[in-house]
């Protein structure tokens, strides 16, 4: 009799334990699913960033090679493409917005204006310096010099985002420095066809300076996400930090375009363009779209992980850019340039491996905290 009474109680207890197990399993799956979705976004951003960067580089060089002469026009194409993002931006604003229950507090309007103006100034300076580099350097050399942006990003991230200098990062910086020195020393002996030594030096200095500005810009973007946006991650914030600074940079580029008098040369330049007027317009519009898409994808990588990771992804495009330049523009590929490329890729891999270790350690700490 007692056994018959206890049997239902035991069954109920077993059932409740099994239900508890089911609940615990369902609560574990959403974070895992979110983690997968996050890395799918990262992969998508990476592909778009590298594709946009390579296409933008080739089109920018094509502009100068076929008769373009205005640095301000080229500078403007690098920042003026933000309207292509506006339809999707408005769609995201109308669809999502920020719910009242969201703990994220919007920064003050004055602070946001200062952030956007600061980022826009950096973007304008970066685009102008890059445009001069595009004019005087072949794509392959331009790309090798641009790899030094990793070093500048590490330096600025150290001061702005408390980035640590590990052995892998130090190794990466040394390799990239050697690669840049080898690139310069190999091409100061007059083996650059059609480029005077003075123009080459100017192109190198401007490209090197542009990489410094770009490294500061990426580190500043991470600081903004961390301090101003409280590590909040959303496509709307990414687009905010893409569209508004691009608008500010476009204003400064337009001012330079008119003050320099380049607007008077626009029609003659279009008439004399080797590929024709239609190709002239198509080249500039395509360049603007490619650079803007690349900027948006790069910001997406910064928001998802870090400025260093975004820089690594852009640097991964180094061999892609060099190979594309060799195919499209018949850039020379000598032994010294090949060694420089190998050293740069080695430095990038070292940098990326440190990012992997950081992510692995963060995930391990999070799992230990969740278990406790």
Protein backbone atom coordinates (compact mmCIF):
# COMPACT_ATOMS: atom_id res chain seq x y z
CA UNK A 1 0.00 0.00 0.00
CA UNK A 2 2.77 2.43 0.97
CA UNK A 3 4.70 1.41 -2.16
CA UNK A 4 1.69 2.19 -4.34
CA UNK A 5 1.40 5.61 -2.75
CA UNK A 6 5.10 6.38 -3.19
CA UNK A 7 5.28 5.36 -6.87
CA UNK A 8 3.33 8.42 -8.20
CA UNK A 9 5.45 10.72 -6.04
CA UNK A 10 8.65 9.25 -7.46
CA UNK A 11 7.36 9.57 -11.02
CA UNK A 12 6.40 13.19 -10.40
CA UNK A 13 9.84 13.91 -8.98
CA UNK A 14 11.56 12.32 -11.97
CA UNK A 15 9.31 14.26 -14.33
CA UNK A 16 10.09 17.54 -12.63
CA UNK A 17 13.85 16.83 -12.85
CA UNK A 18 13.59 16.02 -16.54
CA UNK A 19 11.63 19.22 -17.13
CA UNK A 20 14.30 21.17 -15.28
CA UNK A 21 16.95 19.63 -17.52
CA UNK A 22 14.98 20.58 -20.58
CA UNK A 23 14.69 24.16 -19.40
CA UNK A 24 18.40 24.40 -18.70
CA UNK A 25 19.16 23.08 -22.19
CA UNK A 26 16.89 25.62 -23.85
CA UNK A 27 18.45 28.45 -21.88
CA UNK A 28 21.94 27.47 -23.07
CA UNK A 29 21.10 27.33 -26.78
CA UNK A 30 20.27 31.02 -27.44
CA UNK A 31 23.74 32.31 -26.43
CA UNK A 32 25.36 29.67 -28.64
CA UNK A 33 23.08 30.66 -31.50
CA UNK A 34 23.87 34.35 -30.96
CA UNK A 35 27.59 33.53 -31.02
CA UNK A 36 27.22 31.81 -34.40
CA UNK A 37 25.18 34.71 -35.79
CA UNK A 38 27.82 37.15 -34.54
CA UNK A 39 30.62 35.37 -36.38
CA UNK A 40 28.51 35.09 -39.52
CA UNK A 41 28.16 38.88 -39.39
CA UNK A 42 31.92 39.19 -38.87
CA UNK A 43 32.62 37.01 -41.92
CA UNK A 44 30.17 39.03 -44.02
CA UNK A 45 31.70 42.32 -42.88
CA UNK A 46 35.19 40.98 -43.62
CA UNK A 47 34.33 39.89 -47.17
CA UNK A 48 32.64 43.23 -47.91
CA UNK A 49 35.53 45.21 -46.37
CA UNK A 50 38.24 43.46 -48.38
CA UNK A 51 36.21 43.50 -51.62
CA UNK A 52 35.38 47.19 -51.26
CA UNK A 53 38.97 48.07 -50.39
CA UNK A 54 40.45 46.21 -53.37
CA UNK A 55 37.89 47.62 -55.80
CA UNK A 56 38.35 51.14 -54.44
CA UNK A 57 42.14 50.92 -54.77
CA UNK A 58 41.99 49.75 -58.37
CA UNK A 59 39.40 52.33 -59.39
CA UNK A 60 41.30 55.15 -57.69
CA UNK A 61 44.48 54.22 -59.51
CA UNK A 62 42.51 53.87 -62.77
CA UNK A 63 41.27 57.46 -62.38
CA UNK A 64 44.83 58.82 -62.33
CA UNK A 65 46.20 56.44 -64.93
CA UNK A 66 43.59 57.38 -67.54
CA UNK A 67 43.91 61.13 -67.22
CA UNK A 68 42.55 62.21 -63.82
CA UNK A 69 44.61 64.92 -62.11
CA UNK A 70 42.57 66.34 -59.20
CA UNK A 71 43.47 65.11 -55.72
CA UNK A 72 40.35 66.82 -54.36
CA UNK A 73 38.08 64.92 -56.76
CA UNK A 74 39.66 61.63 -55.72
CA UNK A 75 39.49 62.64 -52.07
CA UNK A 76 35.81 63.47 -52.44
CA UNK A 77 34.98 60.09 -53.98
CA UNK A 78 36.36 58.35 -50.88
CA UNK A 79 33.87 60.01 -48.53
CA UNK A 80 30.88 61.21 -50.55
CA UNK A 81 29.27 57.81 -51.15
CA UNK A 82 27.29 57.75 -47.89
CA UNK A 83 23.87 58.39 -49.57
CA UNK A 84 23.92 54.77 -50.80
CA UNK A 85 23.44 53.75 -47.15
CA UNK A 86 20.53 56.12 -46.45
CA UNK A 87 17.64 53.88 -47.64
CA UNK A 88 18.76 50.99 -45.43
CA UNK A 89 19.55 53.41 -42.60
CA UNK A 90 16.02 54.87 -42.68
CA UNK A 91 14.58 51.36 -42.83
CA UNK A 92 16.52 50.33 -39.70
CA UNK A 93 15.46 53.51 -37.87
CA UNK A 94 11.78 52.93 -38.64
CA UNK A 95 11.90 49.20 -37.90
CA UNK A 96 13.92 49.11 -34.68
CA UNK A 97 14.56 52.40 -32.90
CA UNK A 98 15.46 52.29 -29.21
CA UNK A 99 12.82 50.91 -26.81
CA UNK A 100 12.15 52.72 -23.54
CA UNK A 101 13.24 49.66 -21.57
CA UNK A 102 16.69 49.67 -23.22
CA UNK A 103 19.34 50.47 -20.57
CA UNK A 104 21.42 52.27 -23.20
CA UNK A 105 21.22 56.01 -22.72
CA UNK A 106 21.70 58.25 -25.74
CA UNK A 107 24.70 60.57 -25.44
CA UNK A 108 24.12 64.30 -25.39
CA UNK A 109 23.63 65.96 -28.75
CA UNK A 110 26.68 68.24 -28.30
CA UNK A 111 28.90 65.24 -27.54
CA UNK A 112 27.66 63.43 -30.64
CA UNK A 113 28.27 66.49 -32.80
CA UNK A 114 31.82 66.79 -31.49
CA UNK A 115 32.43 63.08 -32.12
CA UNK A 116 31.11 63.23 -35.68
CA UNK A 117 33.08 66.40 -36.51
CA UNK A 118 36.28 64.89 -35.07
CA UNK A 119 35.82 61.63 -36.99
CA UNK A 120 34.89 63.58 -40.13
CA UNK A 121 38.08 65.65 -39.94
CA UNK A 122 40.17 62.51 -39.62
CA UNK A 123 38.33 60.94 -42.54
CA UNK A 124 38.86 64.04 -44.71
CA UNK A 125 42.58 64.20 -43.92
CA UNK A 126 42.95 60.47 -44.54
CA UNK A 127 41.20 60.64 -47.92
CA UNK A 128 43.28 63.61 -49.14
CA UNK A 129 46.59 62.02 -48.15
CA UNK A 130 45.57 58.71 -49.71
CA UNK A 131 44.58 60.45 -52.95
CA UNK A 132 48.09 61.89 -53.30
CA UNK A 133 49.53 58.44 -52.65
CA UNK A 134 47.25 56.96 -55.33
CA UNK A 135 48.56 59.50 -57.84
CA UNK A 136 52.26 58.82 -57.43
CA UNK A 137 52.57 55.19 -56.28
CA UNK A 138 51.73 51.92 -58.04
CA UNK A 139 49.01 49.92 -56.28
CA UNK A 140 51.44 47.21 -55.16
CA UNK A 141 53.80 49.66 -53.43
CA UNK A 142 50.89 51.70 -52.06
CA UNK A 143 49.49 48.52 -50.51
CA UNK A 144 52.79 47.47 -48.94
CA UNK A 145 53.27 50.92 -47.37
CA UNK A 146 49.66 50.88 -46.13
CA UNK A 147 50.35 47.71 -44.15
CA UNK A 148 52.11 49.95 -41.61
CA UNK A 149 48.67 51.10 -40.44
CA UNK A 150 48.70 48.08 -38.10
CA UNK A 151 51.65 49.58 -36.24
CA UNK A 152 49.97 52.96 -35.90
CA UNK A 153 46.71 51.34 -34.82
CA UNK A 154 48.54 49.37 -32.13
CA UNK A 155 50.25 52.54 -30.92
CA UNK A 156 47.06 54.60 -30.72
CA UNK A 157 45.09 51.67 -29.26
CA UNK A 158 47.70 51.43 -26.52
CA UNK A 159 46.96 54.99 -25.43
CA UNK A 160 43.23 55.16 -26.19
CA UNK A 161 42.02 51.61 -25.51
CA UNK A 162 44.67 50.17 -23.16
CA UNK A 163 45.87 47.70 -25.78
CA UNK A 164 48.70 45.50 -24.47
CA UNK A 165 51.94 44.96 -26.39
CA UNK A 166 52.40 41.20 -26.39
CA UNK A 167 55.31 39.31 -28.03
CA UNK A 168 53.13 38.51 -31.05
CA UNK A 169 52.20 42.17 -31.55
CA UNK A 170 55.82 43.29 -31.15
CA UNK A 171 56.90 40.64 -33.65
CA UNK A 172 54.23 41.86 -36.05
CA UNK A 173 55.32 45.49 -35.74
CA UNK A 174 58.97 44.62 -36.39
CA UNK A 175 58.09 42.57 -39.47
CA UNK A 176 55.88 45.33 -40.88
CA UNK A 177 58.60 47.92 -40.22
CA UNK A 178 61.19 45.81 -42.07
CA UNK A 179 58.71 45.28 -44.92
CA UNK A 180 58.14 49.04 -45.29
CA UNK A 181 61.87 49.85 -45.17
CA UNK A 182 62.61 47.18 -47.78
CA UNK A 183 59.85 48.54 -50.01
CA UNK A 184 61.24 52.07 -49.84
CA UNK A 185 64.90 51.14 -50.26
CA UNK A 186 64.14 48.94 -53.26
CA UNK A 187 62.28 51.72 -55.09
CA UNK A 188 64.48 54.77 -54.47
CA UNK A 189 66.96 53.82 -57.18
CA UNK A 190 64.82 55.01 -60.09
CA UNK A 191 63.24 51.68 -61.05
CA UNK A 192 59.72 53.12 -60.92
CA UNK A 193 58.79 53.71 -64.51
CA UNK A 194 57.29 57.13 -65.19
CA UNK A 195 57.56 58.36 -61.59
CA UNK A 196 60.12 61.00 -60.61
CA UNK A 197 62.01 60.47 -57.36
CA UNK A 198 60.49 63.64 -55.88
CA UNK A 199 56.96 62.52 -56.70
CA UNK A 200 57.68 59.06 -55.36
CA UNK A 201 58.94 60.54 -52.08
CA UNK A 202 55.83 62.73 -51.84
CA UNK A 203 53.58 59.76 -52.55
CA UNK A 204 55.32 57.64 -49.95
CA UNK A 205 55.22 60.36 -47.26
CA UNK A 206 51.53 61.05 -47.88
CA UNK A 207 50.62 57.35 -47.90
CA UNK A 208 52.61 56.73 -44.72
CA UNK A 209 50.93 59.74 -43.07
CA UNK A 210 47.52 58.51 -44.24
CA UNK A 211 48.11 55.13 -42.57
CA UNK A 212 48.89 56.96 -39.32
CA UNK A 213 45.66 58.96 -39.58
CA UNK A 214 43.72 55.78 -40.43
CA UNK A 215 45.20 53.96 -37.43
CA UNK A 216 44.14 56.86 -35.20
CA UNK A 217 40.68 56.84 -36.78
CA UNK A 218 40.09 53.13 -36.09
CA UNK A 219 41.36 53.41 -32.52
CA UNK A 220 39.12 56.45 -32.00
CA UNK A 221 36.13 54.55 -33.38
CA UNK A 222 36.67 51.80 -30.84
CA UNK A 223 36.96 54.41 -28.09
CA UNK A 224 33.67 55.96 -29.20
CA UNK A 225 31.88 52.60 -29.15
CA UNK A 226 33.33 51.87 -25.71
CA UNK A 227 32.94 55.23 -23.97
CA UNK A 228 30.22 57.12 -25.82
CA UNK A 229 27.96 54.23 -26.86
CA UNK A 230 28.69 52.05 -23.77
CA UNK A 231 29.76 49.06 -25.91
CA UNK A 232 26.29 49.00 -27.44
CA UNK A 233 26.35 47.07 -30.72
CA UNK A 234 23.79 47.63 -33.44
CA UNK A 235 23.77 48.29 -37.14
CA UNK A 236 22.15 51.67 -36.53
CA UNK A 237 25.06 52.87 -34.39
CA UNK A 238 27.52 51.55 -36.96
CA UNK A 239 25.70 53.47 -39.67
CA UNK A 240 25.53 56.59 -37.48
CA UNK A 241 29.32 56.50 -37.18
CA UNK A 242 29.60 55.97 -40.94
CA UNK A 243 27.09 58.45 -42.38
CA UNK A 244 27.55 61.54 -40.19
CA UNK A 245 31.39 61.64 -40.25
CA UNK A 246 31.27 60.98 -44.01
CA UNK A 247 28.92 63.95 -44.37
CA UNK A 248 31.33 66.16 -42.41
CA UNK A 249 34.31 64.88 -44.44
CA UNK A 250 32.41 65.56 -47.67
CA UNK A 251 31.86 69.19 -46.65
CA UNK A 252 35.58 69.70 -46.02
CA UNK A 253 36.48 67.95 -49.29
CA UNK A 254 34.00 70.15 -51.19
CA UNK A 255 35.47 73.28 -49.61
CA UNK A 256 38.95 72.19 -50.70
CA UNK A 257 37.63 71.31 -54.16
CA UNK A 258 36.25 74.82 -54.75
CA UNK A 259 38.95 76.80 -52.93
CA UNK A 260 41.72 75.06 -54.90
CA UNK A 261 40.00 75.87 -58.18
CA UNK A 262 39.76 72.23 -59.24
CA UNK A 263 36.08 72.72 -60.07
CA UNK A 264 37.16 74.78 -63.09
CA UNK A 265 39.16 71.81 -64.42
CA UNK A 266 36.40 69.23 -64.01
CA UNK A 267 34.83 69.58 -67.49
CA UNK A 268 38.18 69.68 -69.36
CA UNK A 269 39.36 66.68 -67.37
CA UNK A 270 36.19 64.78 -68.26
CA UNK A 271 36.59 65.66 -71.96
CA UNK A 272 40.21 64.47 -72.05
CA UNK A 273 39.66 61.27 -70.05
CA UNK A 274 41.05 58.38 -72.10
CA UNK A 275 38.06 56.07 -71.55
CA UNK A 276 35.42 58.70 -72.38
CA UNK A 277 32.99 60.87 -70.44
CA UNK A 278 30.65 58.03 -69.48
CA UNK A 279 33.54 55.97 -68.12
CA UNK A 280 34.82 59.02 -66.22
CA UNK A 281 31.52 59.40 -64.37
CA UNK A 282 31.17 55.64 -63.88
CA UNK A 283 34.69 55.39 -62.43
CA UNK A 284 34.07 58.15 -59.89
CA UNK A 285 30.63 56.88 -58.85
CA UNK A 286 31.86 53.29 -58.55
CA UNK A 287 34.86 54.46 -56.51
CA UNK A 288 32.58 56.34 -54.11
CA UNK A 289 30.30 53.33 -53.62
CA UNK A 290 33.19 50.89 -53.08
CA UNK A 291 34.93 53.07 -50.49
CA UNK A 292 31.70 53.79 -48.58
CA UNK A 293 30.74 50.12 -48.42
CA UNK A 294 34.27 49.30 -47.23
CA UNK A 295 34.07 51.99 -44.51
CA UNK A 296 30.73 50.66 -43.29
CA UNK A 297 32.01 47.07 -43.18
CA UNK A 298 35.15 48.18 -41.34
CA UNK A 299 33.06 49.95 -38.70
CA UNK A 300 30.98 46.80 -38.37
CA UNK A 301 34.14 44.85 -37.55
CA UNK A 302 35.17 47.49 -34.99
CA UNK A 303 31.79 47.28 -33.26
CA UNK A 304 31.74 43.47 -33.27
CA UNK A 305 35.31 42.91 -32.06
CA UNK A 306 37.94 45.65 -32.05
CA UNK A 307 39.82 48.20 -34.13
CA UNK A 308 42.82 45.86 -34.20
CA UNK A 309 40.76 43.05 -35.67
CA UNK A 310 39.29 45.38 -38.30
CA UNK A 311 42.81 46.49 -39.19
CA UNK A 312 43.90 42.85 -39.51
CA UNK A 313 41.04 42.14 -41.90
CA UNK A 314 41.93 45.14 -44.06
CA UNK A 315 45.56 44.00 -44.01
CA UNK A 316 44.49 40.54 -45.15
CA UNK A 317 43.58 42.22 -48.42
CA UNK A 318 47.25 43.07 -48.96
CA UNK A 319 48.09 40.05 -51.15
CA UNK A 320 44.72 40.40 -52.89
CA UNK A 321 45.50 44.02 -53.79
CA UNK A 322 49.00 43.20 -55.03
CA UNK A 323 47.82 40.28 -57.17
CA UNK A 324 44.94 42.37 -58.56
CA UNK A 325 47.34 45.21 -59.41
CA UNK A 326 49.67 42.75 -61.14
CA UNK A 327 46.77 41.48 -63.28
CA UNK A 328 45.04 44.79 -64.03
CA UNK A 329 47.90 47.30 -64.21
CA UNK A 330 50.84 44.95 -64.91
CA UNK A 331 52.68 46.16 -61.79
CA UNK A 332 56.18 44.73 -61.58
CA UNK A 333 56.77 41.94 -59.06
CA UNK A 334 60.48 41.67 -58.28
CA UNK A 335 62.26 39.68 -55.57
CA UNK A 336 62.45 42.52 -53.05
CA UNK A 337 58.76 43.29 -53.42
CA UNK A 338 57.95 39.59 -52.97
CA UNK A 339 60.03 39.46 -49.78
CA UNK A 340 58.29 42.60 -48.53
CA UNK A 341 54.91 40.99 -49.17
CA UNK A 342 55.90 37.79 -47.33
CA UNK A 343 57.16 39.77 -44.33
CA UNK A 344 53.98 41.87 -44.26
CA UNK A 345 51.76 38.77 -44.43
CA UNK A 346 53.81 37.15 -41.67
CA UNK A 347 53.33 40.24 -39.54
CA UNK A 348 49.59 40.24 -40.23
CA UNK A 349 49.29 36.56 -39.25
CA UNK A 350 51.16 37.26 -36.02
CA UNK A 351 48.79 40.13 -35.31
CA UNK A 352 45.72 38.05 -36.10
CA UNK A 353 46.92 35.19 -33.90
CA UNK A 354 47.15 37.55 -30.95
CA UNK A 355 43.55 38.58 -31.62
CA UNK A 356 42.57 34.91 -31.62
CA UNK A 357 44.29 34.37 -28.25
CA UNK A 358 42.53 37.40 -26.78
CA UNK A 359 39.13 36.17 -27.97
CA UNK A 360 39.82 32.66 -26.66
CA UNK A 361 40.82 33.98 -23.24
CA UNK A 362 37.71 36.18 -23.08
CA UNK A 363 35.44 33.24 -23.95
CA UNK A 364 37.17 31.06 -21.34
CA UNK A 365 36.64 33.69 -18.64
CA UNK A 366 32.98 34.10 -19.61
CA UNK A 367 32.38 30.33 -19.47
CA UNK A 368 34.05 30.13 -16.03
CA UNK A 369 31.87 32.96 -14.74
CA UNK A 370 28.70 31.34 -16.11
CA UNK A 371 29.59 28.02 -14.48
CA UNK A 372 30.04 29.72 -11.10
